[in-house]
């Protein structure tokens, strides 16, 4: 998987999309770690992070 990620970074559009996904993932993870985040919101965040992971995997698989 690492090799695919490095090859994908050669394409500016792909690297930009992966960077956007990474930024969203980090922001969601930060919100999830906040002690004031409600359990129902944490569940939504986990689902969104899973969706982002699948999207980044799809981008990397398409690139190969």
PDB file of N, CA and C in Angstrom:
ATOM      1  N   UNK A   1       0.817  -1.194   0.000  1.00  0.00           N
ATOM      2  CA  UNK A   1       0.000   0.000   0.000  1.00  0.00           C
ATOM      3  C   UNK A   1       0.858   1.254   0.000  1.00  0.00           C
ATOM      4  N   UNK A   2       1.996   1.223   0.689  1.00  0.00           N
ATOM      5  CA  UNK A   2       2.857   2.401   0.730  1.00  0.00           C
ATOM      6  C   UNK A   2       3.327   2.788  -0.657  1.00  0.00           C
ATOM      7  N   UNK A   3       3.691   1.779  -1.471  1.00  0.00           N
ATOM      8  CA  UNK A   3       4.182   2.056  -2.810  1.00  0.00           C
ATOM      9  C   UNK A   3       3.113   2.747  -3.637  1.00  0.00           C
ATOM     10  N   UNK A   4       1.864   2.290  -3.512  1.00  0.00           N
ATOM     11  CA  UNK A   4       0.754   2.901  -4.245  1.00  0.00           C
ATOM     12  C   UNK A   4       0.582   4.359  -3.838  1.00  0.00           C
ATOM     13  N   UNK A   5       0.705   4.613  -2.554  1.00  0.00           N
ATOM     14  CA  UNK A   5       0.539   5.986  -2.059  1.00  0.00           C
ATOM     15  C   UNK A   5       1.621   6.887  -2.625  1.00  0.00           C
ATOM     16  N   UNK A   6       2.861   6.430  -2.652  1.00  0.00           N
ATOM     17  CA  UNK A   6       3.939   7.257  -3.198  1.00  0.00           C
ATOM     18  C   UNK A   6       3.744   7.513  -4.682  1.00  0.00           C
ATOM     19  N   UNK A   7       3.320   6.493  -5.432  1.00  0.00           N
ATOM     20  CA  UNK A   7       3.081   6.683  -6.866  1.00  0.00           C
ATOM     21  C   UNK A   7       1.934   7.649  -7.109  1.00  0.00           C
ATOM     22  N   UNK A   8       0.922   7.602  -6.268  1.00  0.00           N
ATOM     23  CA  UNK A   8      -0.235   8.487  -6.435  1.00  0.00           C
ATOM     24  C   UNK A   8       0.144   9.942  -6.222  1.00  0.00           C
ATOM     25  N   UNK A   9       1.139  10.189  -5.386  1.00  0.00           N
ATOM     26  CA  UNK A   9       1.532  11.562  -5.102  1.00  0.00           C
ATOM     27  C   UNK A   9       2.176  12.238  -6.298  1.00  0.00           C
ATOM     28  N   UNK A  10       2.535  11.487  -7.332  1.00  0.00           N
ATOM     29  CA  UNK A  10       3.083  12.077  -8.549  1.00  0.00           C
ATOM     30  C   UNK A  10       2.020  12.865  -9.311  1.00  0.00           C
ATOM     31  N   UNK A  11       0.769  12.536  -9.113  1.00  0.00           N
ATOM     32  CA  UNK A  11      -0.337  13.198  -9.791  1.00  0.00           C
ATOM     33  C   UNK A  11      -0.899  14.277  -8.872  1.00  0.00           C
ATOM     34  N   UNK A  12      -0.896  15.521  -9.350  1.00  0.00           N
ATOM     35  CA  UNK A  12      -1.301  16.639  -8.492  1.00  0.00           C
ATOM     36  C   UNK A  12      -2.766  16.552  -8.061  1.00  0.00           C
ATOM     37  N   UNK A  13      -3.641  16.156  -8.965  1.00  0.00           N
ATOM     38  CA  UNK A  13      -5.064  16.054  -8.628  1.00  0.00           C
ATOM     39  C   UNK A  13      -5.301  14.980  -7.576  1.00  0.00           C
ATOM     40  N   UNK A  14      -4.620  13.850  -7.731  1.00  0.00           N
ATOM     41  CA  UNK A  14      -4.781  12.756  -6.772  1.00  0.00           C
ATOM     42  C   UNK A  14      -4.199  13.143  -5.424  1.00  0.00           C
ATOM     43  N   UNK A  15      -3.017  13.744  -5.437  1.00  0.00           N
ATOM     44  CA  UNK A  15      -2.413  14.131  -4.157  1.00  0.00           C
ATOM     45  C   UNK A  15      -3.255  15.184  -3.453  1.00  0.00           C
ATOM     46  N   UNK A  16      -3.881  16.079  -4.224  1.00  0.00           N
ATOM     47  CA  UNK A  16      -4.756  17.088  -3.633  1.00  0.00           C
ATOM     48  C   UNK A  16      -5.989  16.434  -2.999  1.00  0.00           C
ATOM     49  N   UNK A  17      -6.576  15.461  -3.690  1.00  0.00           N
ATOM     50  CA  UNK A  17      -7.745  14.755  -3.152  1.00  0.00           C
ATOM     51  C   UNK A  17      -7.376  13.987  -1.890  1.00  0.00           C
ATOM     52  N   UNK A  18      -6.210  13.332  -1.903  1.00  0.00           N
ATOM     53  CA  UNK A  18      -5.777  12.583  -0.721  1.00  0.00           C
ATOM     54  C   UNK A  18      -5.470  13.521   0.440  1.00  0.00           C
ATOM     55  N   UNK A  19      -4.921  14.679   0.150  1.00  0.00           N
ATOM     56  CA  UNK A  19      -4.654  15.661   1.202  1.00  0.00           C
ATOM     57  C   UNK A  19      -5.960  16.171   1.808  1.00  0.00           C
ATOM     58  N   UNK A  20      -6.951  16.437   0.970  1.00  0.00           N
ATOM     59  CA  UNK A  20      -8.265  16.871   1.474  1.00  0.00           C
ATOM     60  C   UNK A  20      -8.867  15.813   2.393  1.00  0.00           C
ATOM     61  N   UNK A  21      -8.768  14.556   1.982  1.00  0.00           N
ATOM     62  CA  UNK A  21      -9.283  13.451   2.802  1.00  0.00           C
ATOM     63  C   UNK A  21      -8.543  13.382   4.130  1.00  0.00           C
ATOM     64  N   UNK A  22      -7.227  13.528   4.089  1.00  0.00           N
ATOM     65  CA  UNK A  22      -6.422  13.465   5.311  1.00  0.00           C
ATOM     66  C   UNK A  22      -6.786  14.595   6.272  1.00  0.00           C
ATOM     67  N   UNK A  23      -6.997  15.784   5.745  1.00  0.00           N
ATOM     68  CA  UNK A  23      -7.364  16.930   6.588  1.00  0.00           C
ATOM     69  C   UNK A  23      -8.718  16.687   7.248  1.00  0.00           C
ATOM     70  N   UNK A  24      -9.691  16.208   6.476  1.00  0.00           N
ATOM     71  CA  UNK A  24     -11.005  15.900   7.050  1.00  0.00           C
ATOM     72  C   UNK A  24     -10.882  14.821   8.129  1.00  0.00           C
ATOM     73  N   UNK A  25     -10.084  13.805   7.849  1.00  0.00           N
ATOM     74  CA  UNK A  25      -9.898  12.702   8.793  1.00  0.00           C
ATOM     75  C   UNK A  25      -9.315  13.224  10.110  1.00  0.00           C
ATOM     76  N   UNK A  26      -8.303  14.050  10.033  1.00  0.00           N
ATOM     77  CA  UNK A  26      -7.679  14.599  11.246  1.00  0.00           C
ATOM     78  C   UNK A  26      -8.666  15.454  12.026  1.00  0.00           C
ATOM     79  N   UNK A  27      -9.409  16.303  11.325  1.00  0.00           N
ATOM     80  CA  UNK A  27     -10.390  17.148  12.017  1.00  0.00           C
ATOM     81  C   UNK A  27     -11.467  16.315  12.702  1.00  0.00           C
ATOM     82  N   UNK A  28     -11.919  15.266  12.033  1.00  0.00           N
ATOM     83  CA  UNK A  28     -12.916  14.387  12.652  1.00  0.00           C
ATOM     84  C   UNK A  28     -12.332  13.647  13.854  1.00  0.00           C
ATOM     85  N   UNK A  29     -11.095  13.204  13.733  1.00  0.00           N
ATOM     86  CA  UNK A  29     -10.455  12.503  14.851  1.00  0.00           C
ATOM     87  C   UNK A  29     -10.299  13.431  16.056  1.00  0.00           C
ATOM     88  N   UNK A  30      -9.955  14.679  15.797  1.00  0.00           N
ATOM     89  CA  UNK A  30      -9.847  15.646  16.893  1.00  0.00           C
ATOM     90  C   UNK A  30     -11.202  15.864  17.570  1.00  0.00           C
ATOM     91  N   UNK A  31     -12.248  15.998  16.751  1.00  0.00           N
ATOM     92  CA  UNK A  31     -13.585  16.176  17.325  1.00  0.00           C
ATOM     93  C   UNK A  31     -13.993  14.941  18.131  1.00  0.00           C
ATOM     94  N   UNK A  32     -13.668  13.767  17.610  1.00  0.00           N
ATOM     95  CA  UNK A  32     -14.017  12.522  18.296  1.00  0.00           C
ATOM     96  C   UNK A  32     -13.319  12.429  19.650  1.00  0.00           C
ATOM     97  N   UNK A  33     -12.097  12.926  19.728  1.00  0.00           N
ATOM     98  CA  UNK A  33     -11.335  12.824  20.980  1.00  0.00           C
ATOM     99  C   UNK A  33     -11.753  13.854  22.031  1.00  0.00           C
ATOM    100  N   UNK A  34     -12.557  14.813  21.635  1.00  0.00           N
ATOM    101  CA  UNK A  34     -13.035  15.825  22.575  1.00  0.00           C
ATOM    102  C   UNK A  34     -13.989  15.174  23.583  1.00  0.00           C
ATOM    103  N   UNK A  35     -13.742  15.408  24.856  1.00  0.00           N
ATOM    104  CA  UNK A  35     -14.562  14.761  25.895  1.00  0.00           C
ATOM    105  C   UNK A  35     -16.012  15.247  25.878  1.00  0.00           C
ATOM    106  N   UNK A  36     -16.268  16.383  25.252  1.00  0.00           N
ATOM    107  CA  UNK A  36     -17.627  16.919  25.197  1.00  0.00           C
ATOM    108  C   UNK A  36     -18.424  16.442  23.983  1.00  0.00           C
ATOM    109  N   UNK A  37     -17.803  15.676  23.118  1.00  0.00           N
ATOM    110  CA  UNK A  37     -18.510  15.161  21.949  1.00  0.00           C
ATOM    111  C   UNK A  37     -19.472  14.059  22.389  1.00  0.00           C
ATOM    112  N   UNK A  38     -20.705  14.206  21.995  1.00  0.00           N
ATOM    113  CA  UNK A  38     -21.747  13.252  22.375  1.00  0.00           C
ATOM    114  C   UNK A  38     -21.512  11.890  21.719  1.00  0.00           C
ATOM    115  N   UNK A  39     -21.920  10.830  22.397  1.00  0.00           N
ATOM    116  CA  UNK A  39     -21.742   9.480  21.841  1.00  0.00           C
ATOM    117  C   UNK A  39     -22.389   9.299  20.463  1.00  0.00           C
ATOM    118  N   UNK A  40     -23.556   9.889  20.263  1.00  0.00           N
ATOM    119  CA  UNK A  40     -24.207   9.752  18.951  1.00  0.00           C
ATOM    120  C   UNK A  40     -23.390  10.445  17.861  1.00  0.00           C
ATOM    121  N   UNK A  41     -22.770  11.573  18.198  1.00  0.00           N
ATOM    122  CA  UNK A  41     -21.911  12.270  17.237  1.00  0.00           C
ATOM    123  C   UNK A  41     -20.642  11.449  16.968  1.00  0.00           C
ATOM    124  N   UNK A  42     -20.107  10.805  18.005  1.00  0.00           N
ATOM    125  CA  UNK A  42     -18.924   9.970  17.825  1.00  0.00           C
ATOM    126  C   UNK A  42     -19.201   8.822  16.862  1.00  0.00           C
ATOM    127  N   UNK A  43     -20.393   8.275  16.938  1.00  0.00           N
ATOM    128  CA  UNK A  43     -20.776   7.200  16.024  1.00  0.00           C
ATOM    129  C   UNK A  43     -20.804   7.704  14.579  1.00  0.00           C
ATOM    130  N   UNK A  44     -21.352   8.889  14.378  1.00  0.00           N
ATOM    131  CA  UNK A  44     -21.389   9.500  13.045  1.00  0.00           C
ATOM    132  C   UNK A  44     -19.965   9.769  12.550  1.00  0.00           C
ATOM    133  N   UNK A  45     -19.113  10.244  13.444  1.00  0.00           N
ATOM    134  CA  UNK A  45     -17.721  10.529  13.087  1.00  0.00           C
ATOM    135  C   UNK A  45     -17.003   9.244  12.662  1.00  0.00           C
ATOM    136  N   UNK A  46     -17.196   8.161  13.401  1.00  0.00           N
ATOM    137  CA  UNK A  46     -16.559   6.893  13.041  1.00  0.00           C
ATOM    138  C   UNK A  46     -17.010   6.428  11.654  1.00  0.00           C
ATOM    139  N   UNK A  47     -18.281   6.593  11.365  1.00  0.00           N
ATOM    140  CA  UNK A  47     -18.796   6.204  10.047  1.00  0.00           C
ATOM    141  C   UNK A  47     -18.194   7.080   8.949  1.00  0.00           C
ATOM    142  N   UNK A  48     -18.058   8.347   9.215  1.00  0.00           N
ATOM    143  CA  UNK A  48     -17.484   9.259   8.228  1.00  0.00           C
ATOM    144  C   UNK A  48     -15.998   8.950   7.999  1.00  0.00           C
ATOM    145  N   UNK A  49     -15.266   8.643   9.057  1.00  0.00           N
ATOM    146  CA  UNK A  49     -13.854   8.275   8.914  1.00  0.00           C
ATOM    147  C   UNK A  49     -13.731   6.989   8.093  1.00  0.00           C
ATOM    148  N   UNK A  50     -14.603   6.037   8.326  1.00  0.00           N
ATOM    149  CA  UNK A  50     -14.596   4.807   7.537  1.00  0.00           C
ATOM    150  C   UNK A  50     -14.855   5.114   6.064  1.00  0.00           C
ATOM    151  N   UNK A  51     -15.796   6.015   5.796  1.00  0.00           N
ATOM    152  CA  UNK A  51     -16.090   6.410   4.411  1.00  0.00           C
ATOM    153  C   UNK A  51     -14.872   7.069   3.768  1.00  0.00           C
ATOM    154  N   UNK A  52     -14.188   7.925   4.535  1.00  0.00           N
ATOM    155  CA  UNK A  52     -12.994   8.584   4.016  1.00  0.00           C
ATOM    156  C   UNK A  52     -11.888   7.575   3.713  1.00  0.00           C
ATOM    157  N   UNK A  53     -11.729   6.575   4.571  1.00  0.00           N
ATOM    158  CA  UNK A  53     -10.720   5.534   4.329  1.00  0.00           C
ATOM    159  C   UNK A  53     -11.043   4.764   3.052  1.00  0.00           C
ATOM    160  N   UNK A  54     -12.310   4.426   2.864  1.00  0.00           N
ATOM    161  CA  UNK A  54     -12.710   3.703   1.653  1.00  0.00           C
ATOM    162  C   UNK A  54     -12.482   4.568   0.414  1.00  0.00           C
ATOM    163  N   UNK A  55     -12.750   5.852   0.531  1.00  0.00           N
ATOM    164  CA  UNK A  55     -12.537   6.768  -0.590  1.00  0.00           C
ATOM    165  C   UNK A  55     -11.053   6.864  -0.941  1.00  0.00           C
ATOM    166  N   UNK A  56     -10.192   6.987   0.061  1.00  0.00           N
ATOM    167  CA  UNK A  56      -8.758   7.070  -0.230  1.00  0.00           C
ATOM    168  C   UNK A  56      -8.248   5.751  -0.812  1.00  0.00           C
ATOM    169  N   UNK A  57      -8.738   4.623  -0.308  1.00  0.00           N
ATOM    170  CA  UNK A  57      -8.363   3.328  -0.881  1.00  0.00           C
ATOM    171  C   UNK A  57      -8.806   3.228  -2.329  1.00  0.00           C
ATOM    172  N   UNK A  58     -10.007   3.708  -2.624  1.00  0.00           N
ATOM    173  CA  UNK A  58     -10.527   3.673  -3.991  1.00  0.00           C
ATOM    174  C   UNK A  58      -9.656   4.515  -4.920  1.00  0.00           C
ATOM    175  N   UNK A  59      -9.262   5.682  -4.446  1.00  0.00           N
ATOM    176  CA  UNK A  59      -8.391   6.563  -5.248  1.00  0.00           C
ATOM    177  C   UNK A  59      -7.065   5.878  -5.537  1.00  0.00           C
ATOM    178  N   UNK A  60      -6.487   5.264  -4.511  1.00  0.00           N
ATOM    179  CA  UNK A  60      -5.196   4.605  -4.677  1.00  0.00           C
ATOM    180  C   UNK A  60      -5.296   3.381  -5.584  1.00  0.00           C
ATOM    181  N   UNK A  61      -6.374   2.609  -5.464  1.00  0.00           N
ATOM    182  CA  UNK A  61      -6.560   1.438  -6.316  1.00  0.00           C
ATOM    183  C   UNK A  61      -6.763   1.839  -7.774  1.00  0.00           C
ATOM    184  N   UNK A  62      -7.489   2.904  -7.999  1.00  0.00           N
ATOM    185  CA  UNK A  62      -7.746   3.382  -9.362  1.00  0.00           C
ATOM    186  C   UNK A  62      -6.455   3.877  -9.998  1.00  0.00           C
ATOM    187  N   UNK A  63      -5.574   4.412  -9.185  1.00  0.00           N
ATOM    188  CA  UNK A  63      -4.316   4.993  -9.674  1.00  0.00           C
ATOM    189  C   UNK A  63      -3.350   3.932 -10.170  1.00  0.00           C
ATOM    190  N   UNK A  64      -3.423   2.740  -9.618  1.00  0.00           N
ATOM    191  CA  UNK A  64      -2.436   1.695  -9.940  1.00  0.00           C
ATOM    192  C   UNK A  64      -2.603   1.187 -11.342  1.00  0.00           C
TER     193      UNK A  64
END
